[in-house]
Amino acid sequence: MENNEHIVYILKCGDDTFYTGYTNDLENRVKMHEDGKGAKYTRGRGPFKVVFVEKFSTKEEALQKEYQVKQLPRKEKVKLIKEKLKEVMQYASSEEF
């Protein structure tokens, strides 16, 4: 059975660089990066912090977004992360917890 959650994520690595990836199981994928079994780029660059997550209904949409984000210079990635954070904070403040 295919997981219907298609996720593009950005990790902030321990060396202050960003890694952008695609997965359909974020928790497991982050664990793989931490165990040194994720992407070659992330090996030895931990600890990691998930700083951006965007979900899509299809794998195609997610992979297109991943490609777009990977093309961005660092400055634009930071902007993207801040915009997403703002969105999350607005959502959180509009909800009653």
PDB file of N, CA and C in Angstrom:
ATOM      1  N   MET A   1       0.839  -1.189   0.000  1.00  0.00           N
ATOM      2  CA  MET A   1       0.000   0.000   0.000  1.00  0.00           C
ATOM      3  C   MET A   1       0.888   1.258   0.000  1.00  0.00           C
ATOM      4  N   GLU A   2       0.588   2.193  -0.859  1.00  0.00           N
ATOM      5  CA  GLU A   2       1.393   3.405  -0.947  1.00  0.00           C
ATOM      6  C   GLU A   2       0.917   4.433   0.065  1.00  0.00           C
ATOM      7  N   ASN A   3       1.877   5.085   0.699  1.00  0.00           N
ATOM      8  CA  ASN A   3       1.577   6.152   1.647  1.00  0.00           C
ATOM      9  C   ASN A   3       1.141   7.373   0.841  1.00  0.00           C
ATOM     10  N   ASN A   4       0.022   7.984   1.212  1.00  0.00           N
ATOM     11  CA  ASN A   4      -0.502   9.126   0.463  1.00  0.00           C
ATOM     12  C   ASN A   4       0.068  10.468   0.911  1.00  0.00           C
ATOM     13  N   GLU A   5       1.050  10.434   1.785  1.00  0.00           N
ATOM     14  CA  GLU A   5       1.670  11.671   2.248  1.00  0.00           C
ATOM     15  C   GLU A   5       2.999  11.838   1.527  1.00  0.00           C
ATOM     16  N   HIS A   6       3.109  12.896   0.745  1.00  0.00           N
ATOM     17  CA  HIS A   6       4.339  13.162   0.009  1.00  0.00           C
ATOM     18  C   HIS A   6       4.907  14.463   0.556  1.00  0.00           C
ATOM     19  N   ILE A   7       6.105  14.389   1.119  1.00  0.00           N
ATOM     20  CA  ILE A   7       6.660  15.490   1.891  1.00  0.00           C
ATOM     21  C   ILE A   7       7.993  15.977   1.324  1.00  0.00           C
ATOM     22  N   VAL A   8       8.099  17.295   1.208  1.00  0.00           N
ATOM     23  CA  VAL A   8       9.376  17.931   0.906  1.00  0.00           C
ATOM     24  C   VAL A   8       9.823  18.568   2.218  1.00  0.00           C
ATOM     25  N   TYR A   9      11.083  18.338   2.574  1.00  0.00           N
ATOM     26  CA  TYR A   9      11.571  18.854   3.849  1.00  0.00           C
ATOM     27  C   TYR A   9      12.949  19.482   3.671  1.00  0.00           C
ATOM     28  N   ILE A  10      13.258  20.388   4.594  1.00  0.00           N
ATOM     29  CA  ILE A  10      14.600  20.961   4.644  1.00  0.00           C
ATOM     30  C   ILE A  10      15.152  20.685   6.038  1.00  0.00           C
ATOM     31  N   LEU A  11      16.345  20.123   6.072  1.00  0.00           N
ATOM     32  CA  LEU A  11      17.047  19.906   7.337  1.00  0.00           C
ATOM     33  C   LEU A  11      18.112  20.974   7.485  1.00  0.00           C
ATOM     34  N   LYS A  12      18.257  21.480   8.687  1.00  0.00           N
ATOM     35  CA  LYS A  12      19.406  22.329   8.983  1.00  0.00           C
ATOM     36  C   LYS A  12      20.422  21.393   9.621  1.00  0.00           C
ATOM     37  N   CYS A  13      21.581  21.317   9.005  1.00  0.00           N
ATOM     38  CA  CYS A  13      22.613  20.400   9.479  1.00  0.00           C
ATOM     39  C   CYS A  13      23.448  21.051  10.579  1.00  0.00           C
ATOM     40  N   GLY A  14      24.177  20.235  11.299  1.00  0.00           N
ATOM     41  CA  GLY A  14      25.027  20.708  12.385  1.00  0.00           C
ATOM     42  C   GLY A  14      26.077  21.700  11.932  1.00  0.00           C
ATOM     43  N   ASP A  15      26.466  21.655  10.646  1.00  0.00           N
ATOM     44  CA  ASP A  15      27.477  22.594  10.126  1.00  0.00           C
ATOM     45  C   ASP A  15      26.818  23.840   9.530  1.00  0.00           C
ATOM     46  N   ASP A  16      25.534  24.038   9.841  1.00  0.00           N
ATOM     47  CA  ASP A  16      24.774  25.225   9.417  1.00  0.00           C
ATOM     48  C   ASP A  16      24.453  25.251   7.920  1.00  0.00           C
ATOM     49  N   THR A  17      24.508  24.094   7.253  1.00  0.00           N
ATOM     50  CA  THR A  17      24.087  24.017   5.854  1.00  0.00           C
ATOM     51  C   THR A  17      22.673  23.450   5.822  1.00  0.00           C
ATOM     52  N   PHE A  18      22.031  23.526   4.657  1.00  0.00           N
ATOM     53  CA  PHE A  18      20.691  22.987   4.486  1.00  0.00           C
ATOM     54  C   PHE A  18      20.721  21.788   3.556  1.00  0.00           C
ATOM     55  N   TYR A  19      19.860  20.822   3.857  1.00  0.00           N
ATOM     56  CA  TYR A  19      19.661  19.678   2.959  1.00  0.00           C
ATOM     57  C   TYR A  19      18.170  19.604   2.662  1.00  0.00           C
ATOM     58  N   THR A  20      17.832  19.544   1.376  1.00  0.00           N
ATOM     59  CA  THR A  20      16.438  19.430   0.950  1.00  0.00           C
ATOM     60  C   THR A  20      16.193  18.025   0.441  1.00  0.00           C
ATOM     61  N   GLY A  21      15.074  17.430   0.858  1.00  0.00           N
ATOM     62  CA  GLY A  21      14.775  16.080   0.416  1.00  0.00           C
ATOM     63  C   GLY A  21      13.283  15.822   0.277  1.00  0.00           C
ATOM     64  N   TYR A  22      12.972  14.636  -0.253  1.00  0.00           N
ATOM     65  CA  TYR A  22      11.596  14.168  -0.429  1.00  0.00           C
ATOM     66  C   TYR A  22      11.448  12.864   0.337  1.00  0.00           C
ATOM     67  N   THR A  23      10.285  12.652   0.924  1.00  0.00           N
ATOM     68  CA  THR A  23       9.997  11.381   1.594  1.00  0.00           C
ATOM     69  C   THR A  23       8.491  11.197   1.706  1.00  0.00           C
ATOM     70  N   ASN A  24       8.078   9.991   2.050  1.00  0.00           N
ATOM     71  CA  ASN A  24       6.671   9.781   2.403  1.00  0.00           C
ATOM     72  C   ASN A  24       6.579   9.297   3.857  1.00  0.00           C
ATOM     73  N   ASP A  25       7.709   9.364   4.570  1.00  0.00           N
ATOM     74  CA  ASP A  25       7.751   9.015   5.991  1.00  0.00           C
ATOM     75  C   ASP A  25       8.853   9.848   6.651  1.00  0.00           C
ATOM     76  N   LEU A  26       8.503  11.054   7.054  1.00  0.00           N
ATOM     77  CA  LEU A  26       9.495  12.012   7.550  1.00  0.00           C
ATOM     78  C   LEU A  26      10.239  11.515   8.784  1.00  0.00           C
ATOM     79  N   GLU A  27       9.513  10.963   9.738  1.00  0.00           N
ATOM     80  CA  GLU A  27      10.142  10.496  10.978  1.00  0.00           C
ATOM     81  C   GLU A  27      11.232   9.466  10.683  1.00  0.00           C
ATOM     82  N   ASN A  28      10.904   8.491   9.847  1.00  0.00           N
ATOM     83  CA  ASN A  28      11.860   7.448   9.479  1.00  0.00           C
ATOM     84  C   ASN A  28      13.035   8.028   8.688  1.00  0.00           C
ATOM     85  N   ARG A  29      12.738   8.965   7.791  1.00  0.00           N
ATOM     86  CA  ARG A  29      13.783   9.559   6.951  1.00  0.00           C
ATOM     87  C   ARG A  29      14.786  10.341   7.794  1.00  0.00           C
ATOM     88  N   VAL A  30      14.303  11.114   8.750  1.00  0.00           N
ATOM     89  CA  VAL A  30      15.199  11.879   9.618  1.00  0.00           C
ATOM     90  C   VAL A  30      16.068  10.919  10.426  1.00  0.00           C
ATOM     91  N   LYS A  31      15.467   9.834  10.897  1.00  0.00           N
ATOM     92  CA  LYS A  31      16.222   8.822  11.648  1.00  0.00           C
ATOM     93  C   LYS A  31      17.332   8.232  10.772  1.00  0.00           C
ATOM     94  N   MET A  32      17.019   7.985   9.500  1.00  0.00           N
ATOM     95  CA  MET A  32      18.036   7.454   8.584  1.00  0.00           C
ATOM     96  C   MET A  32      19.199   8.442   8.438  1.00  0.00           C
ATOM     97  N   HIS A  33      18.876   9.728   8.305  1.00  0.00           N
ATOM     98  CA  HIS A  33      19.937  10.740   8.211  1.00  0.00           C
ATOM     99  C   HIS A  33      20.794  10.706   9.479  1.00  0.00           C
ATOM    100  N   GLU A  34      20.132  10.639  10.631  1.00  0.00           N
ATOM    101  CA  GLU A  34      20.856  10.629  11.909  1.00  0.00           C
ATOM    102  C   GLU A  34      21.733   9.395  12.064  1.00  0.00           C
ATOM    103  N   ASP A  35      21.274   8.271  11.486  1.00  0.00           N
ATOM    104  CA  ASP A  35      22.037   7.019  11.565  1.00  0.00           C
ATOM    105  C   ASP A  35      23.120   6.927  10.497  1.00  0.00           C
ATOM    106  N   GLY A  36      23.252   7.976   9.678  1.00  0.00           N
ATOM    107  CA  GLY A  36      24.263   7.958   8.623  1.00  0.00           C
ATOM    108  C   GLY A  36      23.861   7.142   7.406  1.00  0.00           C
ATOM    109  N   LYS A  37      22.559   6.792   7.311  1.00  0.00           N
ATOM    110  CA  LYS A  37      22.076   5.970   6.196  1.00  0.00           C
ATOM    111  C   LYS A  37      21.197   6.774   5.248  1.00  0.00           C
ATOM    112  N   GLY A  38      21.146   8.083   5.456  1.00  0.00           N
ATOM    113  CA  GLY A  38      20.362   8.949   4.571  1.00  0.00           C
ATOM    114  C   GLY A  38      21.197   9.314   3.361  1.00  0.00           C
ATOM    115  N   ALA A  39      21.032  10.514   2.882  1.00  0.00           N
ATOM    116  CA  ALA A  39      21.791  10.985   1.730  1.00  0.00           C
ATOM    117  C   ALA A  39      23.274  11.094   2.067  1.00  0.00           C
ATOM    118  N   LYS A  40      24.109  10.876   1.066  1.00  0.00           N
ATOM    119  CA  LYS A  40      25.556  10.981   1.245  1.00  0.00           C
ATOM    120  C   LYS A  40      25.924  12.366   1.807  1.00  0.00           C
ATOM    121  N   TYR A  41      25.232  13.401   1.323  1.00  0.00           N
ATOM    122  CA  TYR A  41      25.516  14.776   1.757  1.00  0.00           C
ATOM    123  C   TYR A  41      25.399  14.940   3.271  1.00  0.00           C
ATOM    124  N   THR A  42      24.426  14.285   3.885  1.00  0.00           N
ATOM    125  CA  THR A  42      24.175  14.516   5.316  1.00  0.00           C
ATOM    126  C   THR A  42      25.080  13.698   6.232  1.00  0.00           C
ATOM    127  N   ARG A  43      25.820  12.732   5.691  1.00  0.00           N
ATOM    128  CA  ARG A  43      26.679  11.910   6.555  1.00  0.00           C
ATOM    129  C   ARG A  43      27.722  12.769   7.242  1.00  0.00           C
ATOM    130  N   GLY A  44      27.769  12.666   8.562  1.00  0.00           N
ATOM    131  CA  GLY A  44      28.748  13.410   9.340  1.00  0.00           C
ATOM    132  C   GLY A  44      28.395  14.878   9.543  1.00  0.00           C
ATOM    133  N   ARG A  45      27.184  15.276   9.138  1.00  0.00           N
ATOM    134  CA  ARG A  45      26.796  16.682   9.276  1.00  0.00           C
ATOM    135  C   ARG A  45      25.746  16.903  10.362  1.00  0.00           C
ATOM    136  N   GLY A  46      25.468  15.893  11.179  1.00  0.00           N
ATOM    137  CA  GLY A  46      24.464  16.030  12.232  1.00  0.00           C
ATOM    138  C   GLY A  46      24.967  16.904  13.350  1.00  0.00           C
ATOM    139  N   PRO A  47      24.148  17.251  14.334  1.00  0.00           N
ATOM    140  CA  PRO A  47      22.728  16.880  14.431  1.00  0.00           C
ATOM    141  C   PRO A  47      21.872  17.680  13.448  1.00  0.00           C
ATOM    142  N   PHE A  48      20.674  17.166  13.202  1.00  0.00           N
ATOM    143  CA  PHE A  48      19.776  17.774  12.230  1.00  0.00           C
ATOM    144  C   PHE A  48      18.544  18.360  12.907  1.00  0.00           C
ATOM    145  N   LYS A  49      18.024  19.402  12.284  1.00  0.00           N
ATOM    146  CA  LYS A  49      16.796  20.013  12.763  1.00  0.00           C
ATOM    147  C   LYS A  49      15.900  20.201  11.542  1.00  0.00           C
ATOM    148  N   VAL A  50      14.677  19.693  11.599  1.00  0.00           N
ATOM    149  CA  VAL A  50      13.735  19.885  10.494  1.00  0.00           C
ATOM    150  C   VAL A  50      13.238  21.324  10.578  1.00  0.00           C
ATOM    151  N   VAL A  51      13.508  22.126   9.536  1.00  0.00           N
ATOM    152  CA  VAL A  51      13.144  23.543   9.578  1.00  0.00           C
ATOM    153  C   VAL A  51      12.059  23.899   8.560  1.00  0.00           C
ATOM    154  N   PHE A  52      11.702  22.948   7.708  1.00  0.00           N
ATOM    155  CA  PHE A  52      10.677  23.209   6.689  1.00  0.00           C
ATOM    156  C   PHE A  52      10.016  21.892   6.307  1.00  0.00           C
ATOM    157  N   VAL A  53       8.680  21.903   6.239  1.00  0.00           N
ATOM    158  CA  VAL A  53       7.923  20.729   5.796  1.00  0.00           C
ATOM    159  C   VAL A  53       6.756  21.220   4.963  1.00  0.00           C
ATOM    160  N   GLU A  54       6.592  20.623   3.792  1.00  0.00           N
ATOM    161  CA  GLU A  54       5.422  20.923   2.964  1.00  0.00           C
ATOM    162  C   GLU A  54       4.899  19.598   2.428  1.00  0.00           C
ATOM    163  N   LYS A  55       3.585  19.401   2.568  1.00  0.00           N
ATOM    164  CA  LYS A  55       2.964  18.138   2.146  1.00  0.00           C
ATOM    165  C   LYS A  55       2.225  18.324   0.826  1.00  0.00           C
ATOM    166  N   PHE A  56       2.246  17.265   0.017  1.00  0.00           N
ATOM    167  CA  PHE A  56       1.587  17.266  -1.293  1.00  0.00           C
ATOM    168  C   PHE A  56       0.754  16.009  -1.444  1.00  0.00           C
ATOM    169  N   SER A  57      -0.262  16.088  -2.307  1.00  0.00           N
ATOM    170  CA  SER A  57      -1.135  14.925  -2.500  1.00  0.00           C
ATOM    171  C   SER A  57      -0.552  13.941  -3.505  1.00  0.00           C
ATOM    172  N   THR A  58       0.377  14.394  -4.354  1.00  0.00           N
ATOM    173  CA  THR A  58       0.998  13.456  -5.299  1.00  0.00           C
ATOM    174  C   THR A  58       2.519  13.530  -5.207  1.00  0.00           C
ATOM    175  N   LYS A  59       3.146  12.414  -5.546  1.00  0.00           N
ATOM    176  CA  LYS A  59       4.600  12.339  -5.537  1.00  0.00           C
ATOM    177  C   LYS A  59       5.181  13.300  -6.577  1.00  0.00           C
ATOM    178  N   GLU A  60       4.521  13.403  -7.719  1.00  0.00           N
ATOM    179  CA  GLU A  60       5.001  14.285  -8.795  1.00  0.00           C
ATOM    180  C   GLU A  60       5.105  15.732  -8.324  1.00  0.00           C
ATOM    181  N   GLU A  61       4.042  16.218  -7.648  1.00  0.00           N
ATOM    182  CA  GLU A  61       4.047  17.594  -7.138  1.00  0.00           C
ATOM    183  C   GLU A  61       5.195  17.796  -6.141  1.00  0.00           C
ATOM    184  N   ALA A  62       5.369  16.820  -5.259  1.00  0.00           N
ATOM    185  CA  ALA A  62       6.408  16.910  -4.237  1.00  0.00           C
ATOM    186  C   ALA A  62       7.795  16.935  -4.871  1.00  0.00           C
ATOM    187  N   LEU A  63       8.018  16.081  -5.852  1.00  0.00           N
ATOM    188  CA  LEU A  63       9.334  16.031  -6.494  1.00  0.00           C
ATOM    189  C   LEU A  63       9.624  17.315  -7.271  1.00  0.00           C
ATOM    190  N   GLN A  64       8.576  17.911  -7.860  1.00  0.00           N
ATOM    191  CA  GLN A  64       8.756  19.202  -8.550  1.00  0.00           C
ATOM    192  C   GLN A  64       9.171  20.275  -7.545  1.00  0.00           C
ATOM    193  N   LYS A  65       8.502  20.294  -6.392  1.00  0.00           N
ATOM    194  CA  LYS A  65       8.816  21.277  -5.354  1.00  0.00           C
ATOM    195  C   LYS A  65      10.233  21.052  -4.830  1.00  0.00           C
ATOM    196  N   GLU A  66      10.595  19.796  -4.604  1.00  0.00           N
ATOM    197  CA  GLU A  66      11.944  19.483  -4.119  1.00  0.00           C
ATOM    198  C   GLU A  66      12.984  20.032  -5.096  1.00  0.00           C
ATOM    199  N   TYR A  67      12.756  19.813  -6.378  1.00  0.00           N
ATOM    200  CA  TYR A  67      13.683  20.298  -7.408  1.00  0.00           C
ATOM    201  C   TYR A  67      13.785  21.822  -7.361  1.00  0.00           C
ATOM    202  N   GLN A  68      12.624  22.497  -7.261  1.00  0.00           N
ATOM    203  CA  GLN A  68      12.602  23.970  -7.205  1.00  0.00           C
ATOM    204  C   GLN A  68      13.396  24.487  -6.007  1.00  0.00           C
ATOM    205  N   VAL A  69      13.164  23.880  -4.853  1.00  0.00           N
ATOM    206  CA  VAL A  69      13.843  24.327  -3.627  1.00  0.00           C
ATOM    207  C   VAL A  69      15.350  24.091  -3.742  1.00  0.00           C
ATOM    208  N   LYS A  70      15.740  22.959  -4.313  1.00  0.00           N
ATOM    209  CA  LYS A  70      17.174  22.659  -4.455  1.00  0.00           C
ATOM    210  C   LYS A  70      17.885  23.663  -5.355  1.00  0.00           C
ATOM    211  N   GLN A  71      17.154  24.303  -6.262  1.00  0.00           N
ATOM    212  CA  GLN A  71      17.752  25.296  -7.160  1.00  0.00           C
ATOM    213  C   GLN A  71      17.964  26.650  -6.488  1.00  0.00           C
ATOM    214  N   LEU A  72      17.285  26.864  -5.364  1.00  0.00           N
ATOM    215  CA  LEU A  72      17.342  28.169  -4.696  1.00  0.00           C
ATOM    216  C   LEU A  72      18.687  28.401  -4.008  1.00  0.00           C
ATOM    217  N   PRO A  73      19.177  29.648  -4.058  1.00  0.00           N
ATOM    218  CA  PRO A  73      20.370  29.968  -3.255  1.00  0.00           C
ATOM    219  C   PRO A  73      19.987  29.969  -1.771  1.00  0.00           C
ATOM    220  N   ARG A  74      20.969  29.866  -0.911  1.00  0.00           N
ATOM    221  CA  ARG A  74      20.728  29.787   0.535  1.00  0.00           C
ATOM    222  C   ARG A  74      19.805  30.901   1.036  1.00  0.00           C
ATOM    223  N   LYS A  75      20.041  32.123   0.582  1.00  0.00           N
ATOM    224  CA  LYS A  75      19.252  33.273   1.013  1.00  0.00           C
ATOM    225  C   LYS A  75      17.758  33.035   0.756  1.00  0.00           C
ATOM    226  N   GLU A  76      17.431  32.475  -0.409  1.00  0.00           N
ATOM    227  CA  GLU A  76      16.038  32.205  -0.767  1.00  0.00           C
ATOM    228  C   GLU A  76      15.460  31.059   0.070  1.00  0.00           C
ATOM    229  N   LYS A  77      16.281  30.085   0.410  1.00  0.00           N
ATOM    230  CA  LYS A  77      15.825  28.983   1.270  1.00  0.00           C
ATOM    231  C   LYS A  77      15.479  29.516   2.656  1.00  0.00           C
ATOM    232  N   VAL A  78      16.314  30.427   3.161  1.00  0.00           N
ATOM    233  CA  VAL A  78      16.057  31.039   4.474  1.00  0.00           C
ATOM    234  C   VAL A  78      14.723  31.784   4.427  1.00  0.00           C
ATOM    235  N   LYS A  79      14.487  32.510   3.334  1.00  0.00           N
ATOM    236  CA  LYS A  79      13.241  33.255   3.158  1.00  0.00           C
ATOM    237  C   LYS A  79      12.039  32.289   3.149  1.00  0.00           C
ATOM    238  N   LEU A  80      12.178  31.194   2.436  1.00  0.00           N
ATOM    239  CA  LEU A  80      11.128  30.174   2.352  1.00  0.00           C
ATOM    240  C   LEU A  80      10.815  29.601   3.741  1.00  0.00           C
ATOM    241  N   ILE A  81      11.862  29.311   4.493  1.00  0.00           N
ATOM    242  CA  ILE A  81      11.707  28.760   5.847  1.00  0.00           C
ATOM    243  C   ILE A  81      10.992  29.770   6.746  1.00  0.00           C
ATOM    244  N   LYS A  82      11.388  31.039   6.658  1.00  0.00           N
ATOM    245  CA  LYS A  82      10.761  32.084   7.490  1.00  0.00           C
ATOM    246  C   LYS A  82       9.294  32.273   7.127  1.00  0.00           C
ATOM    247  N   GLU A  83       8.977  32.222   5.821  1.00  0.00           N
ATOM    248  CA  GLU A  83       7.579  32.365   5.390  1.00  0.00           C
ATOM    249  C   GLU A  83       6.731  31.222   5.932  1.00  0.00           C
ATOM    250  N   LYS A  84       7.255  30.014   5.878  1.00  0.00           N
ATOM    251  CA  LYS A  84       6.531  28.840   6.381  1.00  0.00           C
ATOM    252  C   LYS A  84       6.338  28.960   7.882  1.00  0.00           C
ATOM    253  N   LEU A  85       7.342  29.444   8.591  1.00  0.00           N
ATOM    254  CA  LEU A  85       7.255  29.620  10.040  1.00  0.00           C
ATOM    255  C   LEU A  85       6.172  30.636  10.391  1.00  0.00           C
ATOM    256  N   LYS A  86       6.124  31.727   9.630  1.00  0.00           N
ATOM    257  CA  LYS A  86       5.108  32.760   9.836  1.00  0.00           C
ATOM    258  C   LYS A  86       3.710  32.158   9.678  1.00  0.00           C
ATOM    259  N   GLU A  87       3.562  31.345   8.641  1.00  0.00           N
ATOM    260  CA  GLU A  87       2.288  30.671   8.339  1.00  0.00           C
ATOM    261  C   GLU A  87       1.881  29.783   9.523  1.00  0.00           C
ATOM    262  N   VAL A  88       2.825  29.037  10.045  1.00  0.00           N
ATOM    263  CA  VAL A  88       2.570  28.137  11.170  1.00  0.00           C
ATOM    264  C   VAL A  88       2.175  28.936  12.411  1.00  0.00           C
ATOM    265  N   MET A  89       2.898  30.037  12.662  1.00  0.00           N
ATOM    266  CA  MET A  89       2.613  30.857  13.844  1.00  0.00           C
ATOM    267  C   MET A  89       1.231  31.508  13.739  1.00  0.00           C
ATOM    268  N   GLN A  90       0.843  31.953  12.541  1.00  0.00           N
ATOM    269  CA  GLN A  90      -0.485  32.542  12.359  1.00  0.00           C
ATOM    270  C   GLN A  90      -1.560  31.490  12.622  1.00  0.00           C
ATOM    271  N   TYR A  91      -1.346  30.278  12.111  1.00  0.00           N
ATOM    272  CA  TYR A  91      -2.283  29.197  12.324  1.00  0.00           C
ATOM    273  C   TYR A  91      -2.401  28.886  13.815  1.00  0.00           C
ATOM    274  N   ALA A  92      -1.251  28.789  14.477  1.00  0.00           N
ATOM    275  CA  ALA A  92      -1.241  28.459  15.912  1.00  0.00           C
ATOM    276  C   ALA A  92      -1.944  29.536  16.733  1.00  0.00           C
ATOM    277  N   SER A  93      -1.753  30.804  16.391  1.00  0.00           N
ATOM    278  CA  SER A  93      -2.375  31.858  17.186  1.00  0.00           C
ATOM    279  C   SER A  93      -3.874  31.990  16.904  1.00  0.00           C
ATOM    280  N   SER A  94      -4.333  31.452  15.772  1.00  0.00           N
ATOM    281  CA  SER A  94      -5.759  31.518  15.472  1.00  0.00           C
ATOM    282  C   SER A  94      -6.534  30.350  16.099  1.00  0.00           C
ATOM    283  N   GLU A  95      -5.817  29.359  16.571  1.00  0.00           N
ATOM    284  CA  GLU A  95      -6.443  28.196  17.201  1.00  0.00           C
ATOM    285  C   GLU A  95      -6.491  28.372  18.710  1.00  0.00           C
ATOM    286  N   GLU A  96      -7.491  27.793  19.325  1.00  0.00           N
ATOM    287  CA  GLU A  96      -7.549  27.782  20.783  1.00  0.00           C
ATOM    288  C   GLU A  96      -7.027  26.437  21.259  1.00  0.00           C
ATOM    289  N   PHE A  97      -5.978  26.455  22.055  1.00  0.00           N
ATOM    290  CA  PHE A  97      -5.398  25.200  22.529  1.00  0.00           C
ATOM    291  C   PHE A  97      -5.854  24.884  23.929  1.00  0.00           C
TER     292      PHE A  97
END
